[in-house]
Protein backbone atom coordinates (compact mmCIF):
# COMPACT_ATOMS: atom_id res chain seq x y z
CA MET A 1 -203.81 222.17 -59.65
CA SER A 2 -203.14 220.79 -55.99
CA LEU A 3 -205.22 220.58 -52.78
CA SER A 4 -206.06 223.00 -50.15
CA ALA A 5 -209.15 223.66 -48.15
CA GLN A 6 -211.04 227.24 -47.96
CA PRO A 7 -214.08 227.69 -46.33
CA ASN A 8 -217.01 227.62 -48.72
CA ILE A 9 -218.64 230.83 -48.39
CA GLY A 10 -222.76 230.69 -48.83
CA ASN A 11 -222.86 226.94 -48.11
CA GLY A 12 -223.50 227.26 -44.54
CA GLY A 13 -220.01 228.09 -43.74
CA ASN A 14 -218.83 224.42 -44.44
CA THR A 15 -215.82 223.63 -45.47
CA LYS A 16 -214.82 222.35 -48.98
CA LEU A 17 -211.55 221.10 -50.85
CA ARG A 18 -210.65 224.16 -53.56
CA CYS A 19 -207.76 223.93 -55.65
CA ARG A 20 -204.69 225.96 -56.31
CA ASN A 21 -201.72 226.41 -58.83
CA PRO A 22 -198.81 224.75 -57.01
CA GLY A 23 -196.78 226.44 -59.51
CA ALA A 24 -194.41 225.40 -62.49
CA GLY A 25 -191.88 222.71 -62.08
CA ALA A 26 -193.69 218.96 -61.68
CA ARG A 27 -192.32 216.67 -64.65
CA PRO A 28 -195.87 215.74 -66.50
CA PRO A 29 -196.28 212.12 -66.85
CA PRO A 30 -195.67 210.45 -70.31
CA LYS A 31 -198.59 210.94 -72.83
CA PRO A 32 -200.45 207.97 -73.26
CA TRP A 33 -200.93 208.40 -77.08
CA GLY A 34 -201.46 205.62 -79.65
CA TRP A 35 -204.67 204.24 -77.98
CA GLY A 36 -207.02 204.88 -81.10
CA THR A 37 -204.50 202.26 -83.07
CA ALA A 38 -205.40 199.08 -81.50
CA ALA A 39 -208.62 199.77 -80.53
CA ALA A 40 -211.04 195.86 -79.98
CA LYS A 41 -213.52 194.33 -82.06
CA THR A 42 -216.71 195.62 -80.61
CA GLN A 43 -220.26 195.96 -81.96
CA VAL A 44 -220.52 199.05 -79.90
CA PRO A 45 -219.92 201.94 -82.50
CA ASP A 46 -217.17 205.12 -82.18
CA HIS A 47 -219.57 207.52 -82.09
CA ARG A 48 -217.01 209.91 -83.11
CA PRO A 49 -213.16 209.96 -83.31
CA SER A 50 -211.08 208.89 -80.32
CA SER A 51 -207.28 208.26 -78.97
CA PHE A 52 -208.74 207.44 -75.57
CA PRO A 53 -208.10 204.46 -74.78
CA VAL A 54 -208.18 201.07 -76.08
CA PRO A 55 -208.62 197.56 -73.99
CA CYS A 56 -205.99 196.68 -71.65
CA SER A 57 -205.52 193.02 -70.63
CA ARG A 58 -206.01 192.05 -66.96
CA SER A 59 -202.68 190.79 -65.11
CA SER A 60 -202.93 188.31 -62.37
CA ALA A 61 -199.79 187.80 -59.73
CA ALA A 62 -199.45 185.99 -56.36
CA ARG A 63 -197.07 186.78 -53.51
CA ASP A 64 -193.93 184.72 -53.80
CA GLN A 65 -194.32 184.20 -49.80
CA PRO A 66 -197.02 185.77 -47.63
CA PRO A 67 -195.08 187.98 -45.27
CA PRO A 68 -195.23 186.89 -41.54
CA ARG A 69 -198.16 188.05 -39.64
CA SER A 70 -196.55 189.23 -36.89
CA SER A 71 -194.87 192.14 -39.16
CA ILE A 72 -198.44 192.52 -41.15
CA LEU A 73 -200.61 193.80 -38.33
CA GLN A 74 -197.79 196.05 -36.79
CA LYS A 75 -198.34 198.80 -39.07
CA LEU A 76 -202.39 198.55 -38.34
CA PHE A 77 -203.79 202.16 -38.73
CA HIS A 78 -207.31 201.56 -37.11
CA SER A 79 -209.98 202.52 -33.92
CA TRP A 80 -212.38 200.77 -32.73
CA VAL A 81 -216.53 201.54 -33.27
CA ALA A 82 -218.75 200.21 -30.61
CA PRO A 83 -221.86 198.69 -32.64
CA SER A 84 -224.77 200.81 -32.85
CA ARG A 85 -228.00 199.82 -34.76
CA ARG A 86 -228.91 201.87 -38.42
CA PRO A 87 -232.63 202.74 -38.86
CA ARG A 88 -234.05 200.15 -41.45
CA ARG A 89 -234.81 201.92 -44.93
CA PRO A 90 -236.25 200.32 -47.97
CA ASN A 91 -232.80 200.71 -49.91
CA PRO A 92 -229.91 200.61 -47.55
CA ARG A 93 -227.74 202.54 -50.16
CA ARG A 94 -230.45 205.03 -51.51
CA PRO A 95 -228.60 208.38 -51.61
CA ARG A 96 -228.83 211.37 -49.27
CA LYS A 97 -228.75 214.97 -49.76
CA LEU A 98 -225.53 215.69 -48.49
CA LYS A 99 -224.78 219.08 -46.68
CA LEU A 100 -221.60 217.79 -44.58
CA PRO A 101 -218.03 219.58 -45.17
CA ARG A 102 -216.13 217.88 -47.70
CA HIS A 103 -212.37 218.35 -46.41
CA LEU A 104 -210.43 215.59 -46.06
CA ILE A 105 -209.28 215.53 -42.18
CA LEU A 106 -207.81 212.24 -40.03
CA ARG A 107 -208.13 213.53 -36.54
CA LEU A 108 -205.38 212.54 -34.29
CA PRO A 109 -204.75 211.07 -31.70
CA LEU A 110 -208.04 208.26 -32.25
CA VAL A 111 -208.76 207.71 -28.32
CA ARG A 112 -210.97 205.09 -26.99
CA PRO A 113 -210.05 205.36 -23.07
CA ARG A 114 -210.77 201.32 -22.74
CA TRP A 115 -208.10 200.45 -25.09
CA GLY A 116 -206.09 203.76 -24.65
CA GLU A 117 -204.41 205.91 -27.06
CA LEU A 118 -203.93 204.57 -30.84
CA GLN A 119 -201.58 206.61 -32.92
CA PHE A 120 -201.69 207.19 -36.93
CA ASP A 121 -198.10 205.80 -38.38
CA PRO A 122 -197.61 207.40 -41.65
CA GLU A 123 -194.91 204.65 -42.41
CA ALA A 124 -197.76 202.20 -42.81
CA TYR A 125 -198.58 204.08 -46.52
CA ASN A 126 -196.43 204.58 -49.34
CA TYR A 127 -198.91 206.97 -50.19
CA LEU A 128 -201.82 208.72 -48.78
CA ARG A 129 -203.79 211.83 -50.08
CA GLY A 130 -207.22 213.22 -50.14
CA PHE A 131 -208.97 215.22 -52.76
CA ASP A 132 -212.69 216.04 -53.86
CA ILE A 133 -214.32 217.17 -57.19
CA GLY A 134 -216.84 219.90 -55.75
CA TRP A 135 -219.97 217.69 -54.00
CA SER A 136 -219.95 213.93 -52.59
CA CYS A 137 -220.08 210.81 -54.66
CA LEU A 138 -221.82 208.11 -53.98
CA SER A 139 -219.93 206.29 -56.81
CA PHE A 140 -217.04 206.25 -59.28
CA ASP A 141 -214.92 204.15 -61.32
CA VAL A 142 -211.16 204.27 -62.21
CA VAL A 143 -210.91 204.75 -66.10
CA ARG A 144 -208.27 202.28 -67.30
CA ASP A 145 -205.57 203.88 -69.19
CA GLN A 146 -202.21 203.41 -71.85
CA LEU A 147 -199.22 204.49 -69.30
CA GLY A 148 -198.44 201.20 -68.58
CA LEU A 149 -200.30 197.82 -68.40
CA VAL A 150 -198.71 196.88 -64.99
CA ARG A 151 -196.66 200.19 -63.13
CA SER A 152 -195.65 200.49 -60.18
CA GLU A 153 -192.99 203.35 -59.77
CA PHE A 154 -193.74 206.57 -59.03
CA PRO A 155 -194.87 209.47 -60.22
CA HIS A 156 -198.46 207.67 -60.73
CA THR A 157 -201.55 208.99 -63.04
CA LEU A 158 -204.87 208.25 -62.03
CA TYR A 159 -207.77 208.58 -64.54
CA GLY A 160 -211.22 208.52 -63.21
CA VAL A 161 -215.32 209.22 -63.45
CA ALA A 162 -217.37 210.05 -60.67
CA GLY A 163 -221.23 210.93 -60.29
CA THR A 164 -222.47 213.85 -57.83
CA GLN A 165 -224.85 213.96 -55.17
CA ALA A 166 -225.91 217.47 -55.21
CA GLU A 167 -227.96 219.40 -52.66
CA LYS A 168 -229.71 220.53 -56.10
CA ALA A 169 -230.98 217.97 -58.79
CA SER A 170 -230.06 220.74 -61.13
CA SER A 171 -226.15 220.27 -59.98
CA ASN A 172 -225.66 217.45 -60.46
CA TYR A 173 -223.04 216.16 -62.82
CA ILE A 174 -220.16 213.34 -63.76
CA GLY A 175 -216.94 214.45 -63.45
CA ILE A 176 -214.12 212.95 -65.58
CA PHE A 177 -211.05 213.76 -63.49
CA LYS A 178 -207.42 213.10 -63.52
CA LEU A 179 -205.04 213.16 -61.00
CA SER A 180 -201.03 213.45 -61.76
CA ASN A 181 -197.84 213.74 -59.92
CA ILE A 182 -198.65 210.85 -57.54
CA ARG A 183 -195.28 210.83 -55.64
CA GLY A 184 -194.44 208.36 -52.64
CA LYS A 185 -193.24 207.84 -50.36
CA LYS A 186 -194.88 207.67 -47.20
CA ARG A 187 -195.67 211.22 -47.34
CA GLU A 188 -197.65 213.46 -44.90
CA PRO A 189 -201.47 213.01 -46.24
CA ILE A 190 -202.86 215.92 -44.45
CA PRO A 191 -202.43 219.54 -45.39
CA ALA A 192 -201.90 221.83 -42.37
CA SER A 193 -204.77 224.08 -43.56
CA THR A 194 -207.55 221.47 -43.54
CA VAL A 195 -207.08 220.55 -39.66
CA ASP A 196 -209.71 222.17 -37.49
CA ALA A 197 -208.75 225.26 -34.76
CA ASP A 198 -209.44 222.99 -32.23
CA THR A 199 -207.90 219.86 -33.10
CA ASP A 200 -204.90 218.93 -30.70
CA VAL A 201 -201.72 219.73 -33.27
CA ASP A 202 -198.15 219.76 -32.55
CA SER A 203 -196.85 222.95 -31.17
CA ASP A 204 -194.08 222.97 -33.90
CA SER A 205 -196.97 224.36 -36.93
CA SER A 206 -194.33 226.75 -38.02
CA SER A 207 -192.22 223.95 -39.18
CA ASP A 208 -194.91 221.74 -40.57
CA GLU A 209 -195.66 225.20 -43.05
CA GLU A 210 -192.52 225.21 -43.82
CA ASP A 211 -192.35 221.29 -44.92
CA GLU A 212 -195.71 222.04 -47.19
CA GLU A 213 -193.90 224.94 -48.60
CA ILE A 214 -190.61 222.54 -49.57
CA ASN A 215 -192.68 219.64 -50.73
CA GLU A 216 -195.34 221.75 -52.99
CA ASP A 217 -193.91 219.92 -55.68
CA ILE A 218 -194.71 216.44 -54.80
CA LYS A 219 -198.66 217.58 -54.10
CA PRO A 220 -200.93 215.68 -56.59
CA ILE A 221 -202.66 217.92 -59.61
CA LEU A 222 -206.37 217.24 -60.24
CA HIS A 223 -207.42 218.16 -63.54
CA LEU A 224 -211.45 217.84 -64.06
CA LYS A 225 -214.34 218.11 -66.44
CA LYS A 226 -217.91 218.64 -65.64
CA VAL A 227 -220.58 217.05 -67.48
CA ALA A 228 -224.16 217.66 -66.64
CA HIS A 229 -226.63 214.64 -65.35
CA ALA A 230 -229.77 214.77 -64.31
CA GLY A 231 -230.21 214.07 -60.75
CA CYS A 232 -227.69 212.33 -58.07
CA VAL A 233 -225.74 209.69 -59.40
CA ASN A 234 -226.65 206.28 -57.89
CA ARG A 235 -223.55 204.33 -59.50
CA ILE A 236 -221.45 204.80 -62.36
CA ARG A 237 -219.56 202.31 -64.17
CA SER A 238 -216.46 202.28 -66.92
CA MET A 239 -216.66 199.99 -69.55
CA THR A 240 -213.54 197.48 -69.61
CA GLN A 241 -212.87 197.13 -73.61
CA LYS A 242 -213.76 200.75 -74.21
CA PRO A 243 -213.12 202.72 -70.98
CA HIS A 244 -214.26 206.03 -72.19
CA ILE A 245 -217.86 204.80 -73.04
CA CYS A 246 -219.33 205.12 -69.45
CA ALA A 247 -223.34 203.91 -67.95
CA THR A 248 -224.71 205.67 -64.82
CA TRP A 249 -228.02 204.58 -62.72
CA GLY A 250 -229.33 208.08 -61.96
CA ASP A 251 -231.85 208.20 -59.03
CA THR A 252 -234.54 209.55 -61.60
CA GLY A 253 -235.25 206.01 -62.61
CA HIS A 254 -232.88 206.58 -65.99
CA VAL A 255 -229.92 204.23 -67.09
CA GLN A 256 -227.57 206.19 -69.42
CA VAL A 257 -224.53 205.36 -71.76
CA TRP A 258 -222.38 208.23 -72.15
CA ASP A 259 -219.07 208.53 -74.67
CA LEU A 260 -217.10 211.09 -72.40
CA SER A 261 -213.60 210.04 -75.07
CA SER A 262 -212.95 214.40 -75.91
CA TYR A 263 -213.19 215.05 -71.99
CA LEU A 264 -210.99 212.19 -71.35
CA ASN A 265 -208.71 213.13 -74.49
CA SER A 266 -208.52 216.84 -72.67
CA LEU A 267 -207.24 215.63 -69.64
CA ALA A 268 -204.87 213.50 -71.34
CA GLU A 269 -203.34 216.74 -73.60
CA ALA A 270 -203.09 218.67 -70.28
CA GLU A 271 -199.66 218.96 -68.96
CA SER A 272 -199.21 217.44 -65.37
CA GLY A 273 -197.52 220.50 -63.99
CA ALA A 274 -199.88 223.14 -65.18
CA PRO A 275 -202.71 225.32 -63.95
CA ALA A 276 -205.86 223.66 -64.28
CA PRO A 277 -207.70 225.88 -67.01
CA LYS A 278 -210.84 228.50 -65.89
CA GLU A 279 -213.26 225.88 -68.04
CA ASP A 280 -212.65 223.12 -65.32
CA ASP A 281 -215.43 224.82 -63.64
CA ILE A 282 -217.87 224.93 -66.44
CA ILE A 283 -220.46 222.14 -66.20
CA HIS A 284 -221.04 220.99 -70.04
CA LYS A 285 -223.98 220.02 -72.20
CA HIS A 286 -222.79 216.53 -73.66
CA LEU A 287 -225.71 214.12 -74.96
CA PRO A 288 -225.91 210.25 -73.70
CA LEU A 289 -226.02 207.68 -76.54
CA LYS A 290 -228.54 206.08 -74.91
CA VAL A 291 -231.17 206.44 -72.20
CA PHE A 292 -233.26 203.50 -70.71
CA ASN A 293 -236.81 204.47 -69.30
CA GLY A 294 -237.61 200.81 -69.16
CA HIS A 295 -237.04 200.77 -65.33
CA LYS A 296 -240.44 201.25 -62.81
CA ASP A 297 -237.81 202.78 -60.03
CA GLU A 298 -234.38 204.17 -59.55
CA GLY A 299 -231.25 201.53 -58.75
CA TYR A 300 -227.84 201.05 -57.90
CA ALA A 301 -227.07 197.82 -59.95
CA ILE A 302 -225.14 198.26 -63.08
CA ASP A 303 -222.46 196.02 -64.58
CA TRP A 304 -220.74 195.76 -68.19
CA SER A 305 -219.53 192.45 -69.41
CA PRO A 306 -216.03 192.02 -69.06
CA LEU A 307 -216.09 189.26 -72.13
CA VAL A 308 -218.76 190.60 -74.25
CA THR A 309 -217.96 194.40 -75.47
CA GLY A 310 -221.16 196.35 -74.80
CA ARG A 311 -223.03 193.96 -73.10
CA LEU A 312 -224.91 195.53 -70.02
CA VAL A 313 -227.29 194.54 -67.31
CA SER A 314 -228.95 197.22 -65.32
CA GLY A 315 -231.12 196.22 -61.92
CA ASP A 316 -233.46 198.35 -59.81
CA CYS A 317 -235.67 198.90 -56.65
CA ASN A 318 -238.14 196.93 -58.25
CA LYS A 319 -236.84 193.82 -58.25
CA CYS A 320 -236.19 193.79 -61.87
CA ILE A 321 -232.85 192.91 -64.40
CA HIS A 322 -232.57 194.13 -67.41
CA LEU A 323 -230.06 193.09 -70.17
CA TRP A 324 -228.38 195.38 -73.00
CA GLU A 325 -227.30 193.96 -76.01
CA PRO A 326 -224.99 196.05 -78.50
CA THR A 327 -225.87 196.24 -81.56
CA PRO A 328 -223.90 198.44 -84.40
CA ASN A 329 -225.77 201.96 -84.04
CA ASN A 330 -226.68 201.32 -80.16
CA TRP A 331 -227.93 199.16 -77.85
CA ASN A 332 -231.39 197.15 -77.34
CA VAL A 333 -232.57 196.60 -73.79
CA ASP A 334 -234.99 193.69 -73.55
CA ALA A 335 -238.02 194.91 -72.23
CA ASN A 336 -238.94 191.76 -70.33
CA PRO A 337 -236.73 192.09 -67.46
CA PHE A 338 -235.12 188.72 -65.43
CA VAL A 339 -236.89 188.48 -62.28
CA GLY A 340 -236.35 186.11 -59.51
CA HIS A 341 -235.99 188.18 -56.21
CA THR A 342 -238.16 189.72 -54.15
CA ALA A 343 -236.97 192.83 -53.39
CA SER A 344 -234.41 195.56 -54.55
CA VAL A 345 -231.54 194.32 -56.48
CA GLU A 346 -228.76 196.06 -55.15
CA ASP A 347 -225.52 194.79 -57.06
CA LEU A 348 -224.63 193.00 -60.26
CA GLN A 349 -221.40 191.22 -61.40
CA TRP A 350 -220.94 189.54 -64.70
CA SER A 351 -218.84 185.93 -64.45
CA PRO A 352 -215.06 186.68 -65.28
CA THR A 353 -215.19 183.67 -67.90
CA GLU A 354 -218.81 182.50 -68.64
CA ALA A 355 -219.68 184.70 -71.06
CA ASP A 356 -223.84 184.36 -70.80
CA VAL A 357 -223.51 184.52 -66.82
CA PHE A 358 -224.13 187.07 -64.12
CA ALA A 359 -224.42 187.16 -60.67
CA SER A 360 -226.77 189.36 -58.45
CA CYS A 361 -227.80 190.67 -55.09
CA SER A 362 -230.91 191.89 -53.09
CA VAL A 363 -232.60 192.77 -49.57
CA ASP A 364 -234.24 189.67 -49.54
CA GLY A 365 -230.38 188.26 -48.63
CA THR A 366 -229.86 186.44 -51.29
CA ILE A 367 -227.11 185.72 -54.06
CA ALA A 368 -228.45 184.80 -57.76
CA ILE A 369 -226.98 183.15 -60.70
CA TRP A 370 -228.46 183.50 -63.82
CA ASP A 371 -227.68 182.41 -67.19
CA ILE A 372 -229.37 184.57 -70.09
CA ARG A 373 -229.30 181.68 -72.27
CA THR A 374 -232.01 179.48 -69.97
CA GLY A 375 -234.91 182.34 -69.77
CA LYS A 376 -235.51 184.71 -66.96
CA LYS A 377 -235.45 183.37 -63.83
CA PRO A 378 -232.43 182.33 -61.73
CA CYS A 379 -230.35 179.45 -61.94
CA ILE A 380 -229.15 178.83 -58.67
CA SER A 381 -229.98 181.15 -55.83
CA ILE A 382 -228.39 181.47 -52.71
CA LYS A 383 -229.42 182.32 -48.91
CA ALA A 384 -226.27 184.30 -48.00
CA HIS A 385 -227.11 186.61 -45.28
CA LYS A 386 -229.57 187.14 -42.79
CA ALA A 387 -230.03 190.62 -43.65
CA ASP A 388 -229.52 192.64 -46.93
CA VAL A 389 -226.94 192.13 -49.64
CA ASN A 390 -225.67 194.81 -50.34
CA VAL A 391 -223.02 194.47 -52.69
CA ILE A 392 -221.05 191.66 -54.44
CA SER A 393 -217.68 190.82 -56.22
CA TRP A 394 -217.01 188.19 -58.47
CA ASN A 395 -212.90 186.83 -58.06
CA ARG A 396 -211.61 187.48 -61.43
CA LEU A 397 -208.48 185.55 -60.67
CA ALA A 398 -210.54 182.64 -59.12
CA SER A 399 -213.72 182.63 -60.95
CA SER A 400 -215.16 180.01 -58.55
CA MET A 401 -215.01 182.24 -55.55
CA ILE A 402 -217.41 185.18 -55.21
CA ALA A 403 -217.73 187.59 -52.14
CA SER A 404 -220.58 189.82 -50.77
CA GLY A 405 -220.90 192.16 -47.88
CA CYS A 406 -223.89 192.49 -45.65
CA ASP A 407 -226.28 195.40 -43.86
CA ASP A 408 -225.35 193.83 -40.65
CA GLY A 409 -221.83 194.65 -41.22
CA SER A 410 -220.48 190.79 -42.12
CA PHE A 411 -218.50 189.65 -45.39
CA SER A 412 -218.63 186.00 -46.65
CA VAL A 413 -216.57 184.29 -49.58
CA ARG A 414 -218.24 181.28 -51.29
CA ASP A 415 -216.68 178.93 -53.78
CA LEU A 416 -219.40 178.27 -56.41
CA ARG A 417 -217.82 174.86 -57.58
CA SER A 418 -219.92 173.26 -54.40
CA ILE A 419 -222.96 175.20 -54.45
CA GLN A 420 -225.17 172.47 -54.50
CA GLU A 421 -223.26 171.54 -50.72
CA ASP A 422 -221.91 173.98 -48.31
CA SER A 423 -220.26 176.46 -50.76
CA LEU A 424 -219.50 178.82 -47.42
CA VAL A 425 -215.61 178.95 -47.37
CA ALA A 426 -215.11 182.16 -45.18
CA HIS A 427 -217.60 184.77 -42.88
CA PHE A 428 -215.82 187.39 -41.11
CA GLU A 429 -218.04 189.95 -38.84
CA TYR A 430 -215.53 192.25 -37.72
CA HIS A 431 -217.02 195.36 -39.06
CA LYS A 432 -219.85 197.37 -37.06
CA LYS A 433 -222.33 199.13 -39.31
CA ALA A 434 -223.47 198.19 -43.56
CA VAL A 435 -220.40 196.90 -45.80
CA THR A 436 -220.95 199.34 -48.63
CA SER A 437 -218.30 198.10 -51.32
CA ILE A 438 -216.51 195.05 -51.46
CA GLU A 439 -214.12 194.09 -54.13
CA TRP A 440 -211.30 191.50 -55.18
CA SER A 441 -208.14 192.53 -56.02
CA PRO A 442 -206.91 192.46 -59.66
CA HIS A 443 -203.32 191.54 -58.79
CA GLU A 444 -203.56 189.09 -56.06
CA ALA A 445 -206.22 186.13 -56.34
CA ALA A 446 -206.93 185.93 -52.00
CA SER A 447 -207.11 189.48 -51.34
CA LEU A 448 -209.92 191.65 -50.94
CA ALA A 449 -210.77 195.45 -49.79
CA VAL A 450 -213.88 195.99 -47.76
CA THR A 451 -215.48 199.46 -46.91
CA SER A 452 -218.21 200.15 -43.90
CA GLU A 453 -220.75 202.83 -42.89
CA ASP A 454 -218.23 202.42 -39.69
CA HIS A 455 -216.02 204.71 -41.28
CA GLN A 456 -213.23 201.99 -42.40
CA LEU A 457 -211.69 200.61 -45.02
CA THR A 458 -210.21 197.19 -44.29
CA ILE A 459 -208.29 194.81 -46.44
CA TRP A 460 -207.82 190.94 -46.18
CA ASP A 461 -205.68 188.22 -47.29
CA LEU A 462 -207.76 184.90 -47.25
CA SER A 463 -204.17 182.90 -47.69
CA LEU A 464 -203.69 183.55 -44.33
CA GLU A 465 -204.37 180.81 -41.24
CA ARG A 466 -204.45 180.87 -38.07
CA ASP A 467 -201.07 179.68 -36.32
CA ALA A 468 -201.18 179.79 -32.42
CA GLU A 469 -197.13 180.70 -32.21
CA GLU A 470 -197.13 183.35 -34.29
CA GLU A 471 -200.54 185.21 -33.30
CA ALA A 472 -199.26 184.88 -29.67
CA GLU A 473 -196.28 186.79 -30.80
CA PHE A 474 -197.93 189.21 -32.87
CA ARG A 475 -200.50 189.82 -29.77
CA ALA A 476 -197.73 190.21 -27.25
CA LYS A 477 -195.85 193.36 -29.75
CA MET A 478 -199.60 194.49 -30.09
CA LYS A 479 -200.43 194.59 -25.98
CA GLU A 480 -197.11 196.83 -25.94
CA GLN A 481 -198.00 199.36 -28.91
CA ALA A 482 -201.86 199.94 -28.65
CA ASN A 483 -203.46 196.97 -25.99
CA ALA A 484 -205.51 196.23 -29.00
CA PRO A 485 -208.46 193.40 -28.54
CA GLU A 486 -208.08 189.50 -28.53
CA ASP A 487 -210.30 189.06 -31.44
CA LEU A 488 -208.24 190.48 -34.76
CA PRO A 489 -208.73 188.17 -37.30
CA PRO A 490 -205.49 186.85 -38.97
CA GLN A 491 -206.40 187.73 -42.19
CA LEU A 492 -207.06 191.42 -41.32
CA LEU A 493 -203.91 193.03 -43.07
CA PHE A 494 -204.64 196.45 -42.99
CA VAL A 495 -207.46 198.92 -41.28
CA HIS A 496 -207.34 202.74 -43.08
CA GLN A 497 -209.62 205.49 -41.26
CA GLY A 498 -209.96 209.36 -41.93
CA GLN A 499 -213.08 209.01 -44.18
CA LYS A 500 -216.61 209.69 -43.02
CA ASP A 501 -219.31 207.07 -43.81
CA LEU A 502 -217.50 205.46 -47.06
CA LYS A 503 -219.21 204.14 -50.03
CA GLU A 504 -217.50 202.46 -52.14
CA LEU A 505 -213.66 201.68 -53.22
CA HIS A 506 -211.85 200.32 -56.50
CA TRP A 507 -208.44 198.90 -56.71
CA HIS A 508 -206.42 200.61 -59.48
CA PRO A 509 -206.44 197.41 -62.10
CA GLN A 510 -202.91 198.89 -63.20
CA ILE A 511 -201.22 200.01 -60.27
CA PRO A 512 -200.76 197.23 -57.41
CA SER A 513 -201.63 198.39 -54.20
CA MET A 514 -203.33 201.32 -54.82
CA ILE A 515 -206.85 201.92 -53.53
CA ILE A 516 -209.32 204.53 -54.63
CA SER A 517 -212.24 205.23 -52.15
CA THR A 518 -215.26 207.51 -51.91
CA ALA A 519 -216.95 208.63 -48.88
CA ILE A 520 -219.30 212.08 -47.73
CA ASP A 521 -215.47 213.63 -47.01
CA GLY A 522 -214.58 213.33 -50.69
CA PHE A 523 -211.66 210.84 -51.61
CA ASN A 524 -208.71 209.27 -50.58
CA VAL A 525 -205.87 207.26 -52.40
CA VAL A 526 -204.19 204.80 -50.63
CA MET A 527 -201.28 202.65 -51.06
CA PRO A 528 -200.42 200.73 -47.80
CA SER A 529 -196.92 199.83 -47.48
CA ASN A 530 -197.64 195.98 -46.72
CA ILE A 531 -199.33 195.13 -49.55
CA ASP A 532 -196.76 195.73 -52.10
CA THR A 533 -197.05 193.14 -55.11
CA THR A 534 -194.38 191.56 -56.89
CA ILE A 535 -195.81 190.88 -60.03
CA PRO A 536 -194.04 187.17 -61.84
CA GLY A 537 -193.54 186.42 -65.12
CA ASN A 538 -195.77 183.88 -65.43
CA THR A 539 -198.97 184.89 -64.91
CA ASP A 540 -200.91 182.13 -66.38
CA ALA A 541 -199.53 179.77 -63.94
CA THR A 542 -200.78 181.87 -61.07
CA MET A 543 -203.98 182.06 -62.26
CA ALA A 544 -204.08 177.98 -62.57
CA SER A 545 -202.73 177.77 -59.19
CA ALA A 546 -205.93 179.96 -57.90
CA GLU A 547 -208.29 178.34 -59.80
CA SER A 548 -206.95 174.88 -58.28
């Protein structure tokens, strides 16, 4: 089924994305069979036969040459948001009951009189498309598949899991989705039916409709399975080694682990060009493998270990972190928590190289490094920001680097090798509202992406440095195009807008340059044209150079 906007009768007249059958003709991607034959050695039991999926090892890459800044930023798509103070609340990422429209819309042109008119440039994207799964989602995760370890040719297929923020607690579910027939390059991302009647559009609307009919076969196909979840899903994470095993943090205060292999297998068997079956609207009852109610409050922090299959940590708003250790039949959760923060634990990240080490961040403004072998207190505590630290990301390709996003809109990068001295490598204050998500690229050691409540998704390349001559040339060109402000950081590669109140992003681990983001008005799949990645043959050398 493809995506279009239709009125949601019975919900205050709001519009939301519905699905319709685009018809036959789309070629299905290769079937991802054989996943069950190479399962990794693990203590986590397989509770049902599963061919979906098995571990996919991580690849690394670095671009041959950084593209010149004068051409990198020419394709920026951005508008500018004035600073505004947000009322302080106990937890900056606490979910809200969302009753806003959930349709995808980019309002063009974006205007701010002080700088003039900023136009959306479709040439800046290899691919851009929106979709939703019914309700807004605070959190989601990409599910690794066996369609190719690193793939760059269209069409693409994407698997994912997401947790809803429904108006009624009983209406919440885990959405297991497959988005196929993702075809580029540089297609029009805005279906004509999603543009409001009062929005200024080109008078040649009839030709736009004809283009939609002609390009019907390039629309993505969404297949969705729903599993009932008690209460809103604050965060959801898929296990790296066994992606069909997922953990959810609920606003009820429970952490649950699920085996979603049957639903993923069903999606894998579905023909990509076929219409979605009616049962996609059914919310299935499915028992979790494990439910932990030892937390004294709800939470948002959770992470699977990338090195020890089945090992998990979960942190709550009551300053406590619990360690989950896998057993042959289930999990043992340590009732004695790790305690070191003085306020809510907001995010957790396992070290990519040390199996017993993880990091946490907190509303108290600190980042803590923990070693589970040395007790329940942090080994290192860093005062990272002046306000709440909402999110962190540990670089998988350069394991000494850790990034953090703050409630004041700033984000920083620190080098843990110089933690006793001045570990700050970079600090940016570009965003005007709270940073809600930050993640290093799985293919480029120096690239990371950030989302913020100022409705912007930004992509950064920290390998770039200031060059006065190139900057002057770039600014002269930008003045001609958009009269841009003078304080654009040279490391800023790309600014994506069009989503309201962005909550979380993830790079696809197997499709270089693909980023998926969630917001109040649904999901975006974004592939900027200026961050194409060429995967070199010698990935070990790339990692070694990144670590040095």
